[in-house]
Structures are given as structure tokens and as C-alpha cells.
Amino acid sequence: ANSKLVKAGERANPPMAHEAFADRAYEDDGNLVSRRKPGAVLHDPKLIADRVVRMVQDSAIVSVTGKVVKSRIDTICIHGDNPEAVGIARGVREALKNAGIGLAPFKRAA
């Protein structure tokens, strides 16, 4: 969220999608918590689904300390190396649908 790469991309103005991570914890500065730290990877599908809905509705992520970090969110990543990935994806899709948030494929740049 709001990384140097994102800021450089915004300055260059190519077609870009801003990504948030459903199953990863965030630090107060918007960076992902290192996988070396406990709690860096989230596993509870219900908690993750509710979290993603809030992220999309609020255009923000919430850090491990509860800090709200405003961020544009166009796409949600669910890590395939998480054993719960399929269940998480299903739960996120259903929660977004129930919240009235539409899903759509990326549009190709002309």
C-alpha cells in the first residue's frame, strides 16, 4: 500500500491496478508484515472475508496495531501457498457479493 513502486508507477502513468492482500497482515506504514513474524499470514476465512469487505468499502487497510492506512484498492490477492486459499477465495467472493461489491476482470489497455 502506497509503496515507492506504486508512487513511481503513478508518476509514469501506465495502466495500473492497486493490489491489497487478503491473507497477509500489514505494518503501520502499509508494508506487509514479514513472514518471519508470527501472525504475518492469516488463515481464518471468515475473518479474512470480513476484512476484505472493509478494505474495499473504506479504501483502506488496517495494520496489526489497528492503524487505518488509506489506500486505493483495485484488486485483492490471495496467496496460493496458503493451505486455506480455496476456502478463503470462496469466502471473500461471497462476502463481497453479499456486500453489493461487484467483481470484474481487468480491462486490457488499448
C-alpha atoms as a PDB file:
ATOM      1  CA  ALA A   1       0.000   0.000   0.000  1.00  0.00           C
ATOM      2  CA  ASN A   2       1.353   3.354  -1.043  1.00  0.00           C
ATOM      3  CA  SER A   3       4.811   1.913  -1.692  1.00  0.00           C
ATOM      4  CA  LYS A   4       7.630   3.609  -3.599  1.00  0.00           C
ATOM      5  CA  LEU A   5       6.844   1.345  -6.560  1.00  0.00           C
ATOM      6  CA  VAL A   6       3.202   2.441  -6.554  1.00  0.00           C
ATOM      7  CA  LYS A   7       4.207   6.107  -6.365  1.00  0.00           C
ATOM      8  CA  ALA A   8       6.704   5.672  -9.234  1.00  0.00           C
ATOM      9  CA  GLY A   9       4.035   3.923 -11.305  1.00  0.00           C
ATOM     10  CA  GLU A  10       1.565   6.715 -10.667  1.00  0.00           C
ATOM     11  CA  ARG A  11       4.134   9.278 -11.847  1.00  0.00           C
ATOM     12  CA  ALA A  12       4.823   7.279 -15.035  1.00  0.00           C
ATOM     13  CA  ASN A  13       1.060   6.844 -15.556  1.00  0.00           C
ATOM     14  CA  PRO A  14       0.907   3.368 -17.145  1.00  0.00           C
ATOM     15  CA  PRO A  15      -2.267   1.279 -16.774  1.00  0.00           C
ATOM     16  CA  MET A  16      -2.044   0.106 -13.190  1.00  0.00           C
ATOM     17  CA  ALA A  17      -4.080  -1.849 -10.642  1.00  0.00           C
ATOM     18  CA  HIS A  18      -3.512  -1.305  -6.924  1.00  0.00           C
ATOM     19  CA  GLU A  19      -3.383  -4.596  -5.037  1.00  0.00           C
ATOM     20  CA  ALA A  20      -4.246  -5.433  -1.444  1.00  0.00           C
ATOM     21  CA  PHE A  21      -3.514  -8.742   0.225  1.00  0.00           C
ATOM     22  CA  ALA A  22      -6.436 -10.563   1.809  1.00  0.00           C
ATOM     23  CA  ASP A  23      -4.431 -13.095   3.786  1.00  0.00           C
ATOM     24  CA  ARG A  24      -1.450 -11.011   4.924  1.00  0.00           C
ATOM     25  CA  ALA A  25      -1.032  -8.700   7.894  1.00  0.00           C
ATOM     26  CA  TYR A  26       0.148  -5.112   7.412  1.00  0.00           C
ATOM     27  CA  GLU A  27       2.528  -2.914   9.387  1.00  0.00           C
ATOM     28  CA  ASP A  28       1.586   0.667  10.353  1.00  0.00           C
ATOM     29  CA  ASP A  29       3.467   2.031   7.319  1.00  0.00           C
ATOM     30  CA  GLY A  30       1.390  -0.072   4.892  1.00  0.00           C
ATOM     31  CA  ASN A  31       4.095  -2.668   4.262  1.00  0.00           C
ATOM     32  CA  LEU A  32       3.387  -6.355   4.713  1.00  0.00           C
ATOM     33  CA  VAL A  33       4.413  -7.948   7.989  1.00  0.00           C
ATOM     34  CA  SER A  34       7.475 -10.121   7.395  1.00  0.00           C
ATOM     35  CA  ARG A  35       6.629 -13.797   7.057  1.00  0.00           C
ATOM     36  CA  ARG A  36       9.312 -14.355   9.691  1.00  0.00           C
ATOM     37  CA  LYS A  37       6.975 -12.801  12.270  1.00  0.00           C
ATOM     38  CA  PRO A  38       4.067 -14.655  13.894  1.00  0.00           C
ATOM     39  CA  GLY A  39       0.686 -13.645  12.503  1.00  0.00           C
ATOM     40  CA  ALA A  40       2.060 -12.449   9.151  1.00  0.00           C
ATOM     41  CA  VAL A  41      -0.155 -14.897   7.249  1.00  0.00           C
ATOM     42  CA  LEU A  42      -3.858 -15.008   8.087  1.00  0.00           C
ATOM     43  CA  HIS A  43      -5.802 -18.276   7.979  1.00  0.00           C
ATOM     44  CA  ASP A  44      -9.378 -17.673   9.190  1.00  0.00           C
ATOM     45  CA  PRO A  45     -11.618 -17.471   6.067  1.00  0.00           C
ATOM     46  CA  LYS A  46     -14.446 -15.586   7.856  1.00  0.00           C
ATOM     47  CA  LEU A  47     -12.098 -13.027   9.400  1.00  0.00           C
ATOM     48  CA  ILE A  48     -10.345 -12.542   6.053  1.00  0.00           C
ATOM     49  CA  ALA A  49     -13.612 -12.149   4.125  1.00  0.00           C
ATOM     50  CA  ASP A  50     -14.897  -9.525   6.573  1.00  0.00           C
ATOM     51  CA  ARG A  51     -11.536  -7.745   6.436  1.00  0.00           C
ATOM     52  CA  VAL A  52     -11.550  -7.597   2.633  1.00  0.00           C
ATOM     53  CA  VAL A  53     -15.062  -6.143   2.529  1.00  0.00           C
ATOM     54  CA  ARG A  54     -13.966  -3.440   4.968  1.00  0.00           C
ATOM     55  CA  MET A  55     -10.793  -2.745   2.956  1.00  0.00           C
ATOM     56  CA  VAL A  56     -12.769  -2.288  -0.252  1.00  0.00           C
ATOM     57  CA  GLN A  57     -15.566  -0.242   1.320  1.00  0.00           C
ATOM     58  CA  ASP A  58     -13.181   2.041   3.223  1.00  0.00           C
ATOM     59  CA  SER A  59     -10.376   2.194   0.610  1.00  0.00           C
ATOM     60  CA  ALA A  60      -8.024   1.381   3.454  1.00  0.00           C
ATOM     61  CA  ILE A  61      -6.113  -1.380   5.134  1.00  0.00           C
ATOM     62  CA  VAL A  62      -5.903  -1.871   8.891  1.00  0.00           C
ATOM     63  CA  SER A  63      -2.484  -2.585  10.374  1.00  0.00           C
ATOM     64  CA  VAL A  64      -1.659  -5.084  13.096  1.00  0.00           C
ATOM     65  CA  THR A  65      -1.923  -2.268  15.649  1.00  0.00           C
ATOM     66  CA  GLY A  66      -5.276  -1.066  14.299  1.00  0.00           C
ATOM     67  CA  LYS A  67      -3.951   1.919  12.346  1.00  0.00           C
ATOM     68  CA  VAL A  68      -6.080   2.710   9.274  1.00  0.00           C
ATOM     69  CA  VAL A  69      -3.930   3.287   6.175  1.00  0.00           C
ATOM     70  CA  LYS A  70      -5.845   4.843   3.286  1.00  0.00           C
ATOM     71  CA  SER A  71      -5.040   3.067   0.041  1.00  0.00           C
ATOM     72  CA  ARG A  72      -6.535   2.668  -3.397  1.00  0.00           C
ATOM     73  CA  ILE A  73      -7.595  -0.960  -3.830  1.00  0.00           C
ATOM     74  CA  ASP A  74      -8.428  -2.328  -7.275  1.00  0.00           C
ATOM     75  CA  THR A  75      -7.607  -5.995  -6.815  1.00  0.00           C
ATOM     76  CA  ILE A  76      -7.294  -8.472  -3.970  1.00  0.00           C
ATOM     77  CA  CYS A  77      -4.530 -11.075  -3.786  1.00  0.00           C
ATOM     78  CA  ILE A  78      -4.996 -14.400  -2.028  1.00  0.00           C
ATOM     79  CA  HIS A  79      -1.768 -16.358  -1.770  1.00  0.00           C
ATOM     80  CA  GLY A  80      -1.911 -19.812  -3.328  1.00  0.00           C
ATOM     81  CA  ASP A  81       0.703 -21.133  -0.888  1.00  0.00           C
ATOM     82  CA  ASN A  82      -1.792 -20.702   1.944  1.00  0.00           C
ATOM     83  CA  PRO A  83      -3.419 -24.128   2.550  1.00  0.00           C
ATOM     84  CA  GLU A  84      -6.755 -22.373   3.085  1.00  0.00           C
ATOM     85  CA  ALA A  85      -6.522 -20.418  -0.213  1.00  0.00           C
ATOM     86  CA  VAL A  86      -9.525 -22.001  -1.952  1.00  0.00           C
ATOM     87  CA  GLY A  87     -11.796 -21.588   1.076  1.00  0.00           C
ATOM     88  CA  ILE A  88     -10.555 -18.040   1.568  1.00  0.00           C
ATOM     89  CA  ALA A  89     -11.231 -17.164  -2.083  1.00  0.00           C
ATOM     90  CA  ARG A  90     -14.743 -18.578  -1.891  1.00  0.00           C
ATOM     91  CA  GLY A  91     -15.451 -16.721   1.346  1.00  0.00           C
ATOM     92  CA  VAL A  92     -14.085 -13.437   0.017  1.00  0.00           C
ATOM     93  CA  ARG A  93     -16.100 -13.713  -3.199  1.00  0.00           C
ATOM     94  CA  GLU A  94     -19.306 -14.463  -1.280  1.00  0.00           C
ATOM     95  CA  ALA A  95     -18.728 -11.666   1.249  1.00  0.00           C
ATOM     96  CA  LEU A  96     -18.066  -9.117  -1.500  1.00  0.00           C
ATOM     97  CA  LYS A  97     -21.188 -10.248  -3.352  1.00  0.00           C
ATOM     98  CA  ASN A  98     -23.286 -10.035  -0.171  1.00  0.00           C
ATOM     99  CA  ALA A  99     -21.956  -6.512   0.425  1.00  0.00           C
ATOM    100  CA  GLY A 100     -23.038  -5.464  -3.074  1.00  0.00           C
ATOM    101  CA  ILE A 101     -19.474  -5.150  -4.331  1.00  0.00           C
ATOM    102  CA  GLY A 102     -19.096  -6.314  -7.916  1.00  0.00           C
ATOM    103  CA  LEU A 103     -16.260  -8.382  -9.305  1.00  0.00           C
ATOM    104  CA  ALA A 104     -14.870  -7.803 -12.781  1.00  0.00           C
ATOM    105  CA  PRO A 105     -11.879  -8.852 -14.886  1.00  0.00           C
ATOM    106  CA  PHE A 106      -9.163  -6.341 -15.675  1.00  0.00           C
ATOM    107  CA  LYS A 107      -9.646  -4.338 -18.825  1.00  0.00           C
ATOM    108  CA  ARG A 108      -6.865  -4.547 -21.366  1.00  0.00           C
ATOM    109  CA  ALA A 109      -5.030  -1.344 -22.171  1.00  0.00           C
ATOM    110  CA  ALA A 110      -5.571  -0.146 -25.717  1.00  0.00           C
END
